[in-house]
Amino acid sequence: MLNIDTISKGFGSQELLTETGFQINPGERVGLVGRNGHGKTTLLNMIAGTDSPDEGKITLPSGYRMGMLSQKIRFSHGTVIEEAVAGLGIQETGQTWKAEKILSGLGFSLADMNRDPAEFSGGYQVRLNLAKVLVSEPDLLMGHAQLDPRAFQHDHRIAAPVPPDQLIPIGPEHRRPVAP
C-alpha cells in the first residue's frame, strides 16, 4: 500500500500541492489527471523518491518495487531484446524469456527482437521502454500521458488482454475513453 500523508510541495511562490493525501491499495488502478504544470510529474517524482515533499510524508511497504516510465526515450543497447533484458535484476540475468513474453504482448514480433530500437516508430519505442519497466515486475507502475494507453492492454504477468474499461490514461490530453 502506498500512503501519501498531507504532503505539500511548492517551487518559489507557486504552491503545487497543499496538504494532499490519499492511499493506493494493492490491486487498485489509479489515474492522475491535471493541467500541465500543476504537479503531476512532481508528485510522481516524490513517490519515486527522486524528489521530496516540503511537508508531509510518503510511505511505501518495505521492499516495494516501483517502475517509472520515463518521458525521455533513451536506448543503450543495439537490439530490442537486449534493451528489454536490461530491465531484469542481477539475479535474473539470462532469463530473456521474460522480456520476450512482455515484448510479444506489446506487439513486437520475434524478428523485431533483433532489430535496433532506433528503427521503430515513437510509439513502439515507448512500448519498448514500457517492456523494460514491466520486466522488473514492479509493484507500482507510473507513467505519463505520452504513453499510448493501448500499450497497457496486455498484462505483463500472463500476456492476456486487459479490458479497455480498465485503462486509465494519465494527463490532460485524454478526455474520452480509449477505443480498444
Protein backbone atom coordinates (compact mmCIF):
# COMPACT_ATOMS: atom_id res chain seq x y z
CA MET A 1 0.00 0.00 0.00
CA LEU A 2 1.20 3.47 -0.91
CA ASN A 3 0.22 6.19 1.55
CA ILE A 4 0.50 9.91 0.82
CA ASP A 5 0.01 11.76 4.10
CA THR A 6 -0.75 15.52 3.92
CA ILE A 7 2.11 16.42 1.61
CA SER A 8 2.80 19.92 0.38
CA LYS A 9 5.19 20.98 -2.35
CA GLY A 10 5.97 24.30 -3.95
CA PHE A 11 8.57 26.00 -6.09
CA GLY A 12 9.17 29.59 -5.07
CA SER A 13 5.81 31.29 -4.72
CA GLN A 14 3.98 28.58 -6.71
CA GLU A 15 2.33 26.01 -4.43
CA LEU A 16 1.70 22.83 -6.45
CA LEU A 17 0.35 20.55 -3.72
CA THR A 18 -1.18 21.65 -0.43
CA GLU A 19 -1.84 19.07 2.29
CA THR A 20 -2.57 16.44 -0.33
CA GLY A 21 -3.28 12.92 0.84
CA PHE A 22 -4.51 9.60 -0.50
CA GLN A 23 -3.85 5.88 -0.34
CA ILE A 24 -3.40 3.32 -3.12
CA ASN A 25 -4.17 -0.24 -2.06
CA PRO A 26 -2.84 -3.41 -3.73
CA GLY A 27 -4.65 -4.14 -6.99
CA GLU A 28 -6.03 -0.64 -7.44
CA ARG A 29 -5.50 1.24 -10.70
CA VAL A 30 -5.33 4.99 -10.41
CA GLY A 31 -5.25 7.73 -13.00
CA LEU A 32 -3.77 11.12 -12.27
CA VAL A 33 -5.26 13.87 -14.42
CA GLY A 34 -4.49 17.58 -14.38
CA ARG A 35 -3.33 20.53 -16.40
CA ASN A 36 0.25 20.97 -17.46
CA GLY A 37 2.39 22.49 -14.72
CA HIS A 38 0.05 21.57 -11.88
CA GLY A 39 2.18 18.95 -10.13
CA LYS A 40 1.51 15.54 -11.74
CA THR A 41 5.14 14.81 -12.56
CA THR A 42 6.31 16.37 -9.28
CA LEU A 43 4.00 14.01 -7.38
CA LEU A 44 5.26 11.01 -9.36
CA ASN A 45 8.86 12.05 -8.69
CA MET A 46 8.14 12.31 -4.96
CA ILE A 47 6.57 8.85 -4.96
CA ALA A 48 9.60 7.51 -6.86
CA GLY A 49 11.93 9.15 -4.35
CA THR A 50 13.70 11.48 -6.78
CA ASP A 51 12.10 14.50 -5.10
CA SER A 52 10.68 15.06 -1.63
CA PRO A 53 7.70 16.93 -0.24
CA ASP A 54 8.22 20.20 1.63
CA GLU A 55 5.86 18.86 4.30
CA GLY A 56 4.13 15.55 5.00
CA LYS A 57 5.32 12.06 4.21
CA ILE A 58 5.07 9.29 1.65
CA THR A 59 5.07 5.75 3.00
CA LEU A 60 5.77 2.61 0.99
CA PRO A 61 5.95 -1.01 2.19
CA SER A 62 9.42 -2.45 2.75
CA GLY A 63 10.84 -3.93 -0.46
CA TYR A 64 8.23 -2.17 -2.62
CA ARG A 65 9.36 -2.08 -6.26
CA MET A 66 8.45 0.92 -8.38
CA GLY A 67 8.63 1.19 -12.13
CA MET A 68 8.77 4.67 -13.62
CA LEU A 69 8.16 5.00 -17.34
CA SER A 70 10.35 7.93 -18.33
CA GLN A 71 9.11 10.65 -20.66
CA LYS A 72 12.52 10.60 -22.33
CA ILE A 73 13.38 7.80 -24.71
CA ARG A 74 16.99 6.66 -24.42
CA PHE A 75 18.43 3.36 -25.55
CA SER A 76 21.82 1.97 -24.62
CA HIS A 77 21.70 -1.42 -26.35
CA GLY A 78 21.80 -2.40 -30.00
CA THR A 79 18.72 -4.65 -30.15
CA VAL A 80 15.19 -4.60 -28.80
CA ILE A 81 15.72 -7.78 -26.75
CA GLU A 82 18.99 -6.52 -25.24
CA GLU A 83 17.27 -3.26 -24.27
CA ALA A 84 14.33 -5.05 -22.64
CA VAL A 85 16.60 -7.51 -20.80
CA ALA A 86 18.43 -4.52 -19.28
CA GLY A 87 15.38 -4.12 -17.04
CA LEU A 88 15.94 -7.50 -15.39
CA GLY A 89 17.55 -7.61 -11.97
CA ILE A 90 21.04 -9.04 -11.48
CA GLN A 91 19.60 -12.26 -10.05
CA GLU A 92 17.52 -12.73 -13.23
CA THR A 93 20.33 -12.38 -15.76
CA GLY A 94 19.82 -14.85 -18.57
CA GLN A 95 16.04 -15.08 -18.21
CA THR A 96 15.37 -13.48 -21.58
CA TRP A 97 12.09 -15.39 -21.87
CA LYS A 98 10.51 -12.83 -19.53
CA ALA A 99 11.46 -9.97 -21.83
CA GLU A 100 10.37 -11.93 -24.92
CA LYS A 101 6.95 -12.63 -23.37
CA ILE A 102 6.37 -8.99 -22.49
CA LEU A 103 7.63 -7.69 -25.85
CA SER A 104 5.37 -10.14 -27.66
CA GLY A 105 2.39 -8.97 -25.61
CA LEU A 106 3.18 -5.38 -26.59
CA GLY A 107 3.14 -6.18 -30.31
CA PHE A 108 6.78 -6.98 -31.12
CA SER A 109 7.35 -9.94 -33.43
CA LEU A 110 10.14 -12.47 -32.99
CA ALA A 111 12.02 -10.81 -35.87
CA ASP A 112 11.62 -7.38 -34.22
CA MET A 113 13.57 -8.53 -31.17
CA ASN A 114 16.88 -8.46 -33.05
CA ARG A 115 16.30 -5.05 -34.63
CA ASP A 116 17.82 -1.77 -33.49
CA PRO A 117 15.37 0.18 -31.24
CA ALA A 118 16.05 3.33 -33.30
CA GLU A 119 14.38 1.67 -36.34
CA PHE A 120 10.95 1.77 -34.68
CA SER A 121 8.29 4.46 -34.57
CA GLY A 122 7.98 6.63 -31.49
CA GLY A 123 5.01 4.59 -30.31
CA TYR A 124 6.96 1.34 -30.45
CA GLN A 125 9.93 2.98 -28.76
CA VAL A 126 7.62 3.93 -25.88
CA ARG A 127 6.39 0.32 -25.79
CA LEU A 128 9.99 -0.87 -25.57
CA ASN A 129 10.57 1.47 -22.62
CA LEU A 130 7.40 0.05 -21.06
CA ALA A 131 8.69 -3.51 -21.58
CA LYS A 132 11.95 -2.60 -19.86
CA VAL A 133 9.98 -1.41 -16.83
CA LEU A 134 7.49 -4.31 -16.82
CA VAL A 135 10.22 -6.96 -16.96
CA SER A 136 11.33 -5.80 -13.50
CA GLU A 137 7.84 -6.76 -12.18
CA PRO A 138 7.17 -3.53 -10.27
CA ASP A 139 4.59 -3.33 -7.51
CA LEU A 140 3.70 0.15 -8.76
CA LEU A 141 3.92 1.30 -12.38
CA MET A 142 3.96 5.03 -13.02
CA GLY A 143 3.90 6.71 -16.42
CA HIS A 144 2.98 9.86 -18.32
CA ALA A 145 0.33 10.94 -20.83
CA GLN A 146 2.63 10.45 -23.81
CA LEU A 147 2.17 6.70 -23.37
CA ASP A 148 -0.38 5.19 -25.72
CA PRO A 149 -2.83 3.67 -23.18
CA ARG A 150 -3.45 0.74 -25.54
CA ALA A 151 0.08 -0.42 -24.70
CA PHE A 152 -1.34 -1.37 -21.28
CA GLN A 153 -3.86 -3.75 -22.85
CA HIS A 154 -1.58 -6.68 -22.09
CA ASP A 155 -0.97 -7.81 -18.55
CA HIS A 156 2.76 -8.48 -18.35
CA ARG A 157 2.36 -11.43 -15.97
CA ILE A 158 0.01 -13.52 -18.12
CA ALA A 159 0.27 -11.78 -21.51
CA ALA A 160 -3.53 -11.58 -21.69
CA PRO A 161 -5.55 -8.55 -22.80
CA VAL A 162 -6.74 -6.13 -20.13
CA PRO A 163 -10.32 -4.90 -20.77
CA PRO A 164 -10.37 -1.37 -22.25
CA ASP A 165 -12.64 -0.13 -19.44
CA GLN A 166 -9.75 -0.74 -17.02
CA LEU A 167 -7.37 1.52 -18.94
CA ILE A 168 -6.84 4.86 -17.25
CA PRO A 169 -4.99 7.42 -19.37
CA ILE A 170 -2.95 9.91 -17.39
CA GLY A 171 -2.85 13.56 -18.45
CA PRO A 172 -4.82 16.43 -19.88
CA GLU A 173 -4.83 15.19 -23.47
CA HIS A 174 -7.14 12.23 -22.73
CA ARG A 175 -10.68 13.36 -22.02
CA ARG A 176 -12.56 10.42 -23.54
CA PRO A 177 -12.43 6.63 -23.22
CA VAL A 178 -9.76 4.83 -25.21
CA ALA A 179 -11.06 2.63 -28.02
CA PRO A 180 -9.77 -0.94 -28.00
